[in-house]
Amino acid sequence: MKIAITAVGPELDSQVEPRFGRCPYFVIIDTETTAFEALENPNVALGGGAGIQSAQLLSNHQVQAVLTGNCGPNAFATLGAAEIQVVVGVSGTVRQAAEQFKSGAFSGASGPNVASHFGMTGQDPTNAPATSPTWMNDGVTGTGQGMGGGMGGGRGMGRGMGQGGGRGMGMGGGRGRGRGMGMGSGAMVTPLGSVQADGPIPQPTIDPVGSDQELEMLKAQAQEMNDQLQTIHTRINQIEQTETASALVATVNADKCTGCGVCERVCPRGAIKVNGQAVINPELCTACGICVSECPNSAIVITQQKT
């Protein structure tokens, strides 16, 4: 049996995360073999429908039970439609929760235990995506320190980040105290610039200290780009799986629908048309849950698609 436990980290000793839709990780455990995998939740920052999308994600991974602290009505309904048992009020570590589940200490919840959008008010700011450094140029004239083409030894002009009052360090190699004029374009660039001097053009020399600093900076940037690329590929695979293997679909409760048109406006796939009442095209619907979150009358739910 596959169970998913909401967690703050990817390990068995990580603490159980009380939020379902916006938990940082789902730790999926096979209760028979004790094998596990940590699934990073791509829905943490969603403005709406995070619980529904997370339920959809676990359905695609053939999860049969979810252990968490709290579960809202939309997520609970979607998990129920996917025939996934929900256990709420869980705390401690992921390992402890899994052992308690195997021993029969938990029972399935009969309904949600928090209101809609509960997780949005408790979002952890530490999970916000890291931002890339912003390189700036103050355009000063004089002795400068910055990433640019200063080659030292004469009067010259280097494109780079002049900050004034320091030593020029060129990314292409070379370090000197040439009088240059910073002409940075607001981005990190590596031109050699042009040098006008009375004598021969000095040859650049390699600064071991500066090279080490530059190397570490480039390694850090490369690692950040690799992490972002991996996250993008993971999300692409999840979307492709959802579109090809989804067994869930949004349906309209005709008794509650007033034909207000909100769902038609917010649907990203154009799957909803309103003519007196909303009608959903199941071939276009991906059960993203946005219409469920936005419907003012709670007239739309996620259900198992009939085959």
Protein backbone atom coordinates (compact mmCIF):
# COMPACT_ATOMS: atom_id res chain seq x y z
CA MET A 1 0.00 0.00 0.00
CA LYS A 2 1.27 3.45 -0.90
CA ILE A 3 0.81 6.24 1.63
CA ALA A 4 1.83 9.89 1.32
CA ILE A 5 2.83 11.97 4.33
CA THR A 6 3.08 15.75 4.18
CA ALA A 7 6.53 16.82 5.36
CA VAL A 8 8.73 19.85 5.85
CA GLY A 9 11.71 17.98 4.39
CA PRO A 10 12.53 15.00 2.16
CA GLU A 11 13.67 12.58 4.88
CA LEU A 12 11.94 10.01 7.09
CA ASP A 13 13.07 11.98 10.14
CA SER A 14 11.58 15.22 8.80
CA GLN A 15 8.65 16.68 10.73
CA VAL A 16 5.11 16.22 9.46
CA GLU A 17 3.88 19.41 7.78
CA PRO A 18 0.41 20.46 9.03
CA ARG A 19 -0.63 21.87 5.64
CA PHE A 20 -1.70 19.55 2.85
CA GLY A 21 -1.91 21.52 -0.41
CA ARG A 22 1.08 23.73 0.31
CA CYS A 23 3.38 21.33 2.13
CA PRO A 24 6.99 21.48 0.88
CA TYR A 25 7.26 17.71 0.36
CA PHE A 26 5.20 14.56 0.08
CA VAL A 27 7.08 11.52 1.36
CA ILE A 28 5.55 8.50 -0.37
CA ILE A 29 6.08 5.19 1.44
CA ASP A 30 5.33 1.63 0.41
CA THR A 31 4.09 0.10 3.67
CA GLU A 32 4.98 -3.43 2.52
CA THR A 33 8.57 -2.85 1.43
CA THR A 34 9.26 0.33 3.50
CA ALA A 35 10.77 1.89 0.35
CA PHE A 36 10.12 5.60 0.10
CA GLU A 37 10.56 8.57 -2.20
CA ALA A 38 10.37 12.29 -1.47
CA LEU A 39 8.25 14.26 -3.92
CA GLU A 40 8.77 18.03 -3.94
CA ASN A 41 5.40 19.77 -4.05
CA PRO A 42 5.15 22.11 -7.07
CA ASN A 43 1.92 23.67 -5.76
CA VAL A 44 3.35 25.50 -2.74
CA ALA A 45 3.01 28.97 -4.24
CA LEU A 46 -0.29 28.55 -6.11
CA GLY A 47 -2.77 31.33 -5.45
CA GLY A 48 -5.71 28.94 -5.50
CA GLY A 49 -6.45 25.27 -6.08
CA ALA A 50 -3.25 24.09 -4.36
CA GLY A 51 -5.10 21.37 -2.45
CA ILE A 52 -6.85 20.11 -5.57
CA GLN A 53 -3.64 20.07 -7.59
CA SER A 54 -1.79 18.28 -4.80
CA ALA A 55 -4.56 15.68 -4.60
CA GLN A 56 -4.30 15.24 -8.37
CA LEU A 57 -0.54 14.79 -8.05
CA LEU A 58 -0.90 12.01 -5.47
CA SER A 59 -3.59 10.32 -7.54
CA ASN A 60 -1.14 10.19 -10.45
CA HIS A 61 1.37 8.47 -8.13
CA GLN A 62 -1.19 5.79 -7.17
CA VAL A 63 -1.27 6.85 -3.53
CA GLN A 64 -4.00 5.14 -1.47
CA ALA A 65 -3.84 7.13 1.78
CA VAL A 66 -2.67 10.60 2.86
CA LEU A 67 -1.43 11.49 6.34
CA THR A 68 -1.38 15.18 7.20
CA GLY A 69 -2.18 17.74 9.86
CA ASN A 70 -5.06 19.55 8.16
CA CYS A 71 -7.11 19.14 5.01
CA GLY A 72 -9.57 21.63 3.51
CA PRO A 73 -12.91 20.83 1.85
CA ASN A 74 -11.79 21.07 -1.80
CA ALA A 75 -8.74 18.89 -1.29
CA PHE A 76 -10.75 16.43 0.80
CA ALA A 77 -13.39 16.12 -1.90
CA THR A 78 -10.77 15.61 -4.61
CA LEU A 79 -8.94 12.97 -2.59
CA GLY A 80 -12.24 11.23 -1.98
CA ALA A 81 -13.03 11.29 -5.69
CA ALA A 82 -9.67 9.65 -6.34
CA GLU A 83 -10.49 7.03 -3.65
CA ILE A 84 -7.62 8.17 -1.43
CA GLN A 85 -8.13 7.80 2.32
CA VAL A 86 -7.42 10.94 4.38
CA VAL A 87 -5.95 10.94 7.90
CA VAL A 88 -5.74 14.32 9.67
CA GLY A 89 -4.31 15.46 12.99
CA VAL A 90 -0.98 13.74 12.31
CA SER A 91 2.20 15.11 13.93
CA GLY A 92 5.72 14.01 14.85
CA THR A 93 8.20 12.73 12.27
CA VAL A 94 7.37 11.05 8.97
CA ARG A 95 8.85 7.79 10.27
CA GLN A 96 6.68 7.86 13.41
CA ALA A 97 3.55 8.64 11.38
CA ALA A 98 4.19 5.73 9.03
CA GLU A 99 4.74 3.31 11.93
CA GLN A 100 1.55 4.46 13.64
CA PHE A 101 -0.40 4.02 10.41
CA LYS A 102 0.93 0.47 9.97
CA SER A 103 0.00 -0.39 13.55
CA GLY A 104 -3.59 0.72 12.98
CA ALA A 105 -3.41 3.72 15.31
CA PHE A 106 -5.05 6.03 12.76
CA SER A 107 -8.53 6.06 11.28
CA GLY A 108 -9.72 7.87 8.18
CA ALA A 109 -11.30 11.30 8.52
CA SER A 110 -15.00 11.67 7.76
CA GLY A 111 -14.60 15.22 6.46
CA PRO A 112 -12.27 18.23 6.24
CA ASN A 113 -10.98 19.74 9.48
CA VAL A 114 -10.14 23.27 8.26
CA ALA A 115 -11.77 25.86 6.00
CA SER A 116 -10.78 26.56 2.40
CA HIS A 117 -7.48 28.40 1.79
CA PHE A 118 -6.23 27.50 5.27
CA GLY A 119 -2.68 26.91 4.02
CA MET A 120 -2.36 30.34 2.38
CA THR A 121 -2.28 32.18 5.72
CA GLY A 122 0.43 29.89 7.09
CA GLN A 123 2.76 29.88 4.13
CA ASP A 124 6.37 29.59 5.15
CA PRO A 125 8.40 32.46 3.66
CA THR A 126 11.52 30.33 3.70
CA ASN A 127 10.03 28.32 0.84
CA ALA A 128 9.97 31.35 -1.44
CA PRO A 129 12.08 30.80 -4.56
CA ALA A 130 15.57 32.16 -4.38
CA THR A 131 16.23 35.20 -6.53
CA SER A 132 19.27 35.62 -8.69
CA PRO A 133 21.65 38.40 -7.72
CA THR A 134 21.02 41.72 -9.43
CA TRP A 135 24.18 43.32 -10.71
CA MET A 136 24.19 47.12 -10.72
CA ASN A 137 26.47 49.84 -12.00
CA ASP A 138 26.84 53.28 -10.50
CA GLY A 139 28.60 54.68 -13.55
CA VAL A 140 31.40 56.34 -11.60
CA THR A 141 34.55 57.62 -13.25
CA GLY A 142 37.85 56.87 -11.57
CA THR A 143 39.51 53.96 -9.89
CA GLY A 144 36.89 51.24 -9.72
CA GLN A 145 36.34 47.74 -8.45
CA GLY A 146 34.04 45.56 -10.48
CA MET A 147 33.54 42.78 -12.93
CA GLY A 148 34.68 44.23 -16.21
CA GLY A 149 37.54 44.68 -18.61
CA GLY A 150 39.95 46.84 -16.62
CA MET A 151 43.43 45.86 -17.75
CA GLY A 152 45.47 48.35 -15.69
CA GLY A 153 48.62 50.25 -16.57
CA GLY A 154 47.12 53.12 -18.51
CA ARG A 155 44.15 55.28 -19.21
CA GLY A 156 41.36 53.19 -20.57
CA MET A 157 37.67 52.57 -20.73
CA GLY A 158 36.23 49.33 -19.37
CA ARG A 159 32.63 48.11 -19.45
CA GLY A 160 31.77 46.71 -16.10
CA MET A 161 30.55 47.46 -12.63
CA GLY A 162 32.40 50.48 -11.34
CA GLN A 163 31.91 50.92 -7.61
CA GLY A 164 34.62 53.49 -7.03
CA GLY A 165 37.70 53.54 -4.84
CA GLY A 166 39.07 50.09 -5.44
CA ARG A 167 40.93 47.82 -7.78
CA GLY A 168 39.67 46.87 -11.23
CA MET A 169 39.34 43.13 -11.78
CA GLY A 170 38.67 41.92 -15.31
CA MET A 171 36.83 38.64 -15.82
CA GLY A 172 38.87 38.02 -18.92
CA GLY A 173 41.99 38.12 -16.79
CA GLY A 174 44.03 41.01 -15.52
CA ARG A 175 44.02 43.23 -12.51
CA GLY A 176 45.38 46.72 -12.29
CA ARG A 177 44.95 50.26 -11.14
CA GLY A 178 44.23 51.81 -14.49
CA ARG A 179 42.13 54.93 -14.55
CA GLY A 180 38.97 53.80 -16.26
CA MET A 181 35.43 54.95 -16.71
CA GLY A 182 32.70 52.54 -15.62
CA MET A 183 30.13 52.10 -18.36
CA GLY A 184 28.27 49.05 -17.05
CA SER A 185 25.03 48.22 -18.79
CA GLY A 186 23.35 46.87 -15.67
CA ALA A 187 24.38 43.27 -16.38
CA MET A 188 27.47 41.25 -15.69
CA VAL A 189 29.60 41.36 -18.86
CA THR A 190 33.13 40.33 -19.77
CA PRO A 191 34.51 42.55 -22.56
CA LEU A 192 38.19 43.41 -22.53
CA GLY A 193 37.49 47.06 -23.29
CA SER A 194 39.88 49.29 -25.17
CA VAL A 195 43.11 50.75 -23.85
CA GLN A 196 44.85 53.87 -25.08
CA ALA A 197 48.36 54.34 -23.68
CA ASP A 198 51.58 56.03 -24.64
CA GLY A 199 53.53 52.77 -24.78
CA PRO A 200 52.81 49.16 -25.79
CA ILE A 201 49.51 47.66 -24.71
CA PRO A 202 50.15 45.84 -21.43
CA GLN A 203 49.40 42.15 -21.40
CA PRO A 204 46.81 40.94 -18.86
CA THR A 205 48.02 38.90 -15.93
CA ILE A 206 46.04 36.33 -13.97
CA ASP A 207 45.29 37.10 -10.36
CA PRO A 208 45.11 33.80 -8.42
CA VAL A 209 42.98 35.30 -5.65
CA GLY A 210 40.56 36.99 -8.02
CA SER A 211 40.32 33.85 -10.15
CA ASP A 212 39.39 31.74 -7.13
CA GLN A 213 36.61 34.16 -6.18
CA GLU A 214 35.29 34.25 -9.71
CA LEU A 215 35.40 30.47 -9.98
CA GLU A 216 33.38 30.04 -6.79
CA MET A 217 30.83 32.58 -7.99
CA LEU A 218 30.43 30.82 -11.34
CA LYS A 219 30.09 27.44 -9.66
CA ALA A 220 27.33 28.79 -7.40
CA GLN A 221 25.48 30.27 -10.38
CA ALA A 222 25.80 27.04 -12.34
CA GLN A 223 24.41 25.04 -9.41
CA GLU A 224 21.46 27.42 -9.08
CA MET A 225 20.70 27.10 -12.80
CA ASN A 226 20.89 23.29 -12.60
CA ASP A 227 18.47 23.28 -9.65
CA GLN A 228 16.02 25.51 -11.51
CA LEU A 229 16.27 23.35 -14.63
CA GLN A 230 15.59 20.19 -12.62
CA THR A 231 12.52 21.80 -11.05
CA ILE A 232 11.23 22.82 -14.48
CA HIS A 233 11.69 19.31 -15.91
CA THR A 234 9.91 17.81 -12.89
CA ARG A 235 6.96 20.12 -13.37
CA ILE A 236 6.82 19.39 -17.12
CA ASN A 237 6.65 15.64 -16.40
CA GLN A 238 3.90 16.18 -13.82
CA ILE A 239 1.82 18.25 -16.25
CA GLU A 240 2.28 15.68 -19.02
CA GLN A 241 1.23 12.88 -16.67
CA THR A 242 -1.82 14.86 -15.57
CA GLU A 243 -2.92 15.53 -19.13
CA THR A 244 -2.47 11.94 -20.28
CA ALA A 245 -3.38 9.88 -17.22
CA SER A 246 -5.80 12.01 -15.21
CA ALA A 247 -8.91 10.15 -14.00
CA LEU A 248 -10.44 13.23 -12.39
CA VAL A 249 -12.66 15.93 -13.86
CA ALA A 250 -14.61 18.95 -12.66
CA THR A 251 -18.41 18.57 -12.63
CA VAL A 252 -21.22 21.06 -12.03
CA ASN A 253 -23.97 20.72 -9.43
CA ALA A 254 -26.96 22.01 -11.41
CA ASP A 255 -28.94 22.76 -8.24
CA LYS A 256 -26.31 25.25 -7.05
CA CYS A 257 -25.13 26.78 -10.33
CA THR A 258 -26.56 30.26 -11.06
CA GLY A 259 -24.79 30.74 -14.40
CA CYS A 260 -22.74 33.68 -13.09
CA GLY A 261 -19.91 32.96 -15.55
CA VAL A 262 -17.01 33.17 -13.10
CA CYS A 263 -15.86 29.64 -13.87
CA GLU A 264 -15.86 30.30 -17.61
CA ARG A 265 -13.65 33.36 -17.14
CA VAL A 266 -11.06 31.67 -14.92
CA CYS A 267 -10.75 28.32 -16.72
CA PRO A 268 -7.23 28.22 -18.28
CA ARG A 269 -8.22 25.52 -20.79
CA GLY A 270 -11.46 27.00 -22.08
CA ALA A 271 -13.27 23.87 -20.92
CA ILE A 272 -16.30 25.68 -19.46
CA LYS A 273 -19.15 27.36 -21.32
CA VAL A 274 -22.08 29.08 -19.61
CA ASN A 275 -25.49 29.22 -21.22
CA GLY A 276 -27.87 29.64 -18.34
CA GLN A 277 -25.73 27.12 -16.45
CA ALA A 278 -22.10 26.06 -16.63
CA VAL A 279 -21.22 23.09 -18.82
CA ILE A 280 -17.76 21.50 -18.58
CA ASN A 281 -16.12 19.67 -21.48
CA PRO A 282 -14.44 16.62 -19.86
CA GLU A 283 -12.05 16.22 -22.80
CA LEU A 284 -10.55 19.65 -22.13
CA CYS A 285 -10.77 19.66 -18.33
CA THR A 286 -7.56 18.81 -16.45
CA ALA A 287 -9.13 19.06 -12.96
CA CYS A 288 -6.82 21.96 -12.11
CA GLY A 289 -9.34 23.09 -9.45
CA ILE A 290 -9.29 26.81 -10.22
CA CYS A 291 -13.02 26.83 -11.01
CA VAL A 292 -13.73 25.01 -7.75
CA SER A 293 -11.85 27.64 -5.76
CA GLU A 294 -13.42 30.59 -7.56
CA CYS A 295 -17.05 29.46 -7.78
CA PRO A 296 -19.04 31.73 -5.40
CA ASN A 297 -21.76 29.10 -4.95
CA SER A 298 -19.58 25.99 -4.42
CA ALA A 299 -21.35 24.51 -7.42
CA ILE A 300 -18.30 22.75 -8.91
CA VAL A 301 -16.53 19.70 -7.49
CA ILE A 302 -13.82 17.33 -8.68
CA THR A 303 -15.08 13.81 -9.32
CA GLN A 304 -13.83 10.56 -10.78
CA GLN A 305 -14.19 10.56 -14.54
CA LYS A 306 -16.53 7.88 -15.79
CA THR A 307 -15.12 5.62 -18.48
